C-alpha atoms as a PDB file:
ATOM      1  CA  UNK A   1      76.607  64.351 131.217  1.00  0.00           C
ATOM      2  CA  UNK A   2      79.631  62.093 131.004  1.00  0.00           C
ATOM      3  CA  UNK A   3      81.719  61.782 134.142  1.00  0.00           C
ATOM      4  CA  UNK A   4      85.361  60.816 133.998  1.00  0.00           C
ATOM      5  CA  UNK A   5      87.277  59.528 137.021  1.00  0.00           C
ATOM      6  CA  UNK A   6      91.034  59.195 136.931  1.00  0.00           C
ATOM      7  CA  UNK A   7      93.088  56.965 139.219  1.00  0.00           C
ATOM      8  CA  UNK A   8      96.550  55.494 139.489  1.00  0.00           C
ATOM      9  CA  UNK A   9      98.609  58.582 140.180  1.00  0.00           C
ATOM     10  CA  UNK A  10     101.428  58.153 142.683  1.00  0.00           C
ATOM     11  CA  UNK A  11     104.981  59.080 143.663  1.00  0.00           C
ATOM     12  CA  UNK A  12     107.496  57.096 141.627  1.00  0.00           C
ATOM     13  CA  UNK A  13     111.254  57.191 141.141  1.00  0.00           C
ATOM     14  CA  UNK A  14     112.817  58.224 137.832  1.00  0.00           C
ATOM     15  CA  UNK A  15     112.846  55.283 135.449  1.00  0.00           C
ATOM     16  CA  UNK A  16     109.779  53.768 137.080  1.00  0.00           C
ATOM     17  CA  UNK A  17     106.354  52.986 135.685  1.00  0.00           C
ATOM     18  CA  UNK A  18     102.735  53.803 136.442  1.00  0.00           C
ATOM     19  CA  UNK A  19      99.421  52.928 134.855  1.00  0.00           C
ATOM     20  CA  UNK A  20      96.677  55.522 134.968  1.00  0.00           C
ATOM     21  CA  UNK A  21      93.023  54.602 134.534  1.00  0.00           C
ATOM     22  CA  UNK A  22      90.114  56.701 133.332  1.00  0.00           C
ATOM     23  CA  UNK A  23      86.711  55.238 134.138  1.00  0.00           C
ATOM     24  CA  UNK A  24      83.637  56.727 132.449  1.00  0.00           C
ATOM     25  CA  UNK A  25      80.120  56.919 133.815  1.00  0.00           C
ATOM     26  CA  UNK A  26      78.499  55.933 130.538  1.00  0.00           C
ATOM     27  CA  UNK A  27      79.294  53.835 127.521  1.00  0.00           C
ATOM     28  CA  UNK A  28      82.720  54.803 126.316  1.00  0.00           C
ATOM     29  CA  UNK A  29      81.766  53.980 122.736  1.00  0.00           C
ATOM     30  CA  UNK A  30      79.334  56.906 122.694  1.00  0.00           C
ATOM     31  CA  UNK A  31      82.251  59.329 122.442  1.00  0.00           C
ATOM     32  CA  UNK A  32      84.537  59.964 119.545  1.00  0.00           C
ATOM     33  CA  UNK A  33      87.782  59.829 121.445  1.00  0.00           C
ATOM     34  CA  UNK A  34      89.345  59.811 124.893  1.00  0.00           C
ATOM     35  CA  UNK A  35      92.567  61.638 125.652  1.00  0.00           C
ATOM     36  CA  UNK A  36      95.008  62.359 128.444  1.00  0.00           C
ATOM     37  CA  UNK A  37      96.323  65.829 129.196  1.00  0.00           C
ATOM     38  CA  UNK A  38      98.666  66.968 131.919  1.00  0.00           C
ATOM     39  CA  UNK A  39      99.431  70.203 133.689  1.00  0.00           C
ATOM     40  CA  UNK A  40     102.552  70.941 135.692  1.00  0.00           C
ATOM     41  CA  UNK A  41     102.793  73.851 138.152  1.00  0.00           C
ATOM     42  CA  UNK A  42     103.034  77.198 136.363  1.00  0.00           C
ATOM     43  CA  UNK A  43     102.686  75.547 132.953  1.00  0.00           C
ATOM     44  CA  UNK A  44      99.876  75.310 130.431  1.00  0.00           C
ATOM     45  CA  UNK A  45      97.810  72.169 130.067  1.00  0.00           C
ATOM     46  CA  UNK A  46      99.298  69.961 127.355  1.00  0.00           C
ATOM     47  CA  UNK A  47      98.011  66.967 125.460  1.00  0.00           C
ATOM     48  CA  UNK A  48      99.736  63.665 126.133  1.00  0.00           C
ATOM     49  CA  UNK A  49      97.885  60.979 124.216  1.00  0.00           C
ATOM     50  CA  UNK A  50      94.584  60.280 122.473  1.00  0.00           C
ATOM     51  CA  UNK A  51      92.707  57.184 121.309  1.00  0.00           C
ATOM     52  CA  UNK A  52      89.643  56.944 119.077  1.00  0.00           C
ATOM     53  CA  UNK A  53      86.474  54.999 119.833  1.00  0.00           C
ATOM     54  CA  UNK A  54      87.568  51.870 118.006  1.00  0.00           C
ATOM     55  CA  UNK A  55      91.147  52.145 119.178  1.00  0.00           C
ATOM     56  CA  UNK A  56      92.261  52.184 115.572  1.00  0.00           C
ATOM     57  CA  UNK A  57      93.942  55.574 115.887  1.00  0.00           C
ATOM     58  CA  UNK A  58      96.233  56.847 118.605  1.00  0.00           C
ATOM     59  CA  UNK A  59      98.292  59.996 118.916  1.00  0.00           C
ATOM     60  CA  UNK A  60     101.101  60.940 121.268  1.00  0.00           C
ATOM     61  CA  UNK A  61     102.976  64.075 122.198  1.00  0.00           C
ATOM     62  CA  UNK A  62     106.579  63.946 121.046  1.00  0.00           C
ATOM     63  CA  UNK A  63     107.763  64.138 124.648  1.00  0.00           C
ATOM     64  CA  UNK A  64     106.171  60.772 125.534  1.00  0.00           C
ATOM     65  CA  UNK A  65     106.482  58.766 122.311  1.00  0.00           C
ATOM     66  CA  UNK A  66     108.094  55.404 122.927  1.00  0.00           C
ATOM     67  CA  UNK A  67     107.488  55.648 126.690  1.00  0.00           C
ATOM     68  CA  UNK A  68     103.701  55.971 127.094  1.00  0.00           C
ATOM     69  CA  UNK A  69     101.005  53.706 125.667  1.00  0.00           C
ATOM     70  CA  UNK A  70      97.296  54.467 125.589  1.00  0.00           C
ATOM     71  CA  UNK A  71      94.707  51.698 125.400  1.00  0.00           C
ATOM     72  CA  UNK A  72      91.018  51.178 126.012  1.00  0.00           C
ATOM     73  CA  UNK A  73      88.719  48.433 127.276  1.00  0.00           C
ATOM     74  CA  UNK A  74      85.253  49.142 125.919  1.00  0.00           C
ATOM     75  CA  UNK A  75      83.718  46.367 128.030  1.00  0.00           C
ATOM     76  CA  UNK A  76      84.925  48.140 131.174  1.00  0.00           C
ATOM     77  CA  UNK A  77      84.347  51.664 129.819  1.00  0.00           C
ATOM     78  CA  UNK A  78      87.908  52.481 130.801  1.00  0.00           C
ATOM     79  CA  UNK A  79      90.937  54.015 129.113  1.00  0.00           C
ATOM     80  CA  UNK A  80      94.460  53.385 130.371  1.00  0.00           C
ATOM     81  CA  UNK A  81      97.755  55.223 130.097  1.00  0.00           C
ATOM     82  CA  UNK A  82     100.780  53.023 130.681  1.00  0.00           C
ATOM     83  CA  UNK A  83     103.747  55.225 131.512  1.00  0.00           C
ATOM     84  CA  UNK A  84     107.240  53.751 131.448  1.00  0.00           C
ATOM     85  CA  UNK A  85     110.718  55.240 131.856  1.00  0.00           C
ATOM     86  CA  UNK A  86     109.247  58.124 133.801  1.00  0.00           C
ATOM     87  CA  UNK A  87     111.230  61.331 134.119  1.00  0.00           C
ATOM     88  CA  UNK A  88     111.000  64.189 136.642  1.00  0.00           C
ATOM     89  CA  UNK A  89     109.582  66.368 133.860  1.00  0.00           C
ATOM     90  CA  UNK A  90     106.577  64.023 133.662  1.00  0.00           C
ATOM     91  CA  UNK A  91     105.486  65.321 137.055  1.00  0.00           C
ATOM     92  CA  UNK A  92     102.042  66.863 136.673  1.00  0.00           C
ATOM     93  CA  UNK A  93      98.351  66.445 137.296  1.00  0.00           C
ATOM     94  CA  UNK A  94      97.023  64.106 134.612  1.00  0.00           C
ATOM     95  CA  UNK A  95      93.513  64.669 133.287  1.00  0.00           C
ATOM     96  CA  UNK A  96      91.244  62.416 131.282  1.00  0.00           C
ATOM     97  CA  UNK A  97      89.043  64.067 128.673  1.00  0.00           C
ATOM     98  CA  UNK A  98      86.476  63.010 126.071  1.00  0.00           C
ATOM     99  CA  UNK A  99      85.173  64.300 122.757  1.00  0.00           C
ATOM    100  CA  UNK A 100      81.428  64.112 122.215  1.00  0.00           C
ATOM    101  CA  UNK A 101      81.386  63.763 118.432  1.00  0.00           C
ATOM    102  CA  UNK A 102      83.459  62.036 115.813  1.00  0.00           C
ATOM    103  CA  UNK A 103      87.142  62.805 116.262  1.00  0.00           C
ATOM    104  CA  UNK A 104      90.324  61.466 114.735  1.00  0.00           C
ATOM    105  CA  UNK A 105      92.728  62.477 117.542  1.00  0.00           C
ATOM    106  CA  UNK A 106      94.187  65.000 115.123  1.00  0.00           C
ATOM    107  CA  UNK A 107      94.930  67.647 117.723  1.00  0.00           C
ATOM    108  CA  UNK A 108      95.569  68.410 121.378  1.00  0.00           C
ATOM    109  CA  UNK A 109      93.958  71.821 121.637  1.00  0.00           C
ATOM    110  CA  UNK A 110      91.986  71.748 124.923  1.00  0.00           C
ATOM    111  CA  UNK A 111      88.984  73.479 123.367  1.00  0.00           C
ATOM    112  CA  UNK A 112      88.405  70.434 121.149  1.00  0.00           C
ATOM    113  CA  UNK A 113      87.501  68.295 124.168  1.00  0.00           C
ATOM    114  CA  UNK A 114      84.091  68.397 125.826  1.00  0.00           C
ATOM    115  CA  UNK A 115      84.332  66.572 129.167  1.00  0.00           C
ATOM    116  CA  UNK A 116      87.094  66.604 131.784  1.00  0.00           C
ATOM    117  CA  UNK A 117      87.900  64.631 134.892  1.00  0.00           C
ATOM    118  CA  UNK A 118      89.301  66.048 138.124  1.00  0.00           C
ATOM    119  CA  UNK A 119      92.798  64.736 137.587  1.00  0.00           C
ATOM    120  CA  UNK A 120      95.291  62.491 139.349  1.00  0.00           C
ATOM    121  CA  UNK A 121      98.720  63.566 140.602  1.00  0.00           C
ATOM    122  CA  UNK A 122     101.851  61.947 139.200  1.00  0.00           C
ATOM    123  CA  UNK A 123     105.132  62.841 140.884  1.00  0.00           C
ATOM    124  CA  UNK A 124     108.450  61.531 139.583  1.00  0.00           C
ATOM    125  CA  UNK A 125     111.206  62.121 142.099  1.00  0.00           C
ATOM    126  CA  UNK A 126     114.017  60.336 143.863  1.00  0.00           C
END
């Protein structure tokens, strides 16, 4: 059973930056893709970004394109989400998730993803 542990969430002012980390308990290359989702109070969980095993393919939600960058370090079994130009509407709990089989990051439907972390809180406020 893969375990995912998120870190890096914090309180930041609008326009600021944060880098989230997702550390996995096993070899990250055993999974087809790793993604980040987020969930704000009273809202549905939404996909933010996804990266495939090799890092060759990434996908982003329209709301974060140009501001967020996903990357992975297979030697450290860790995926990162660099978030720049943060806005109050980015406030949410951010979750790391993994797909067990081959996956092209073609979609952000939660049911496509097999393993989930506990989340890390990101608050953007002045």
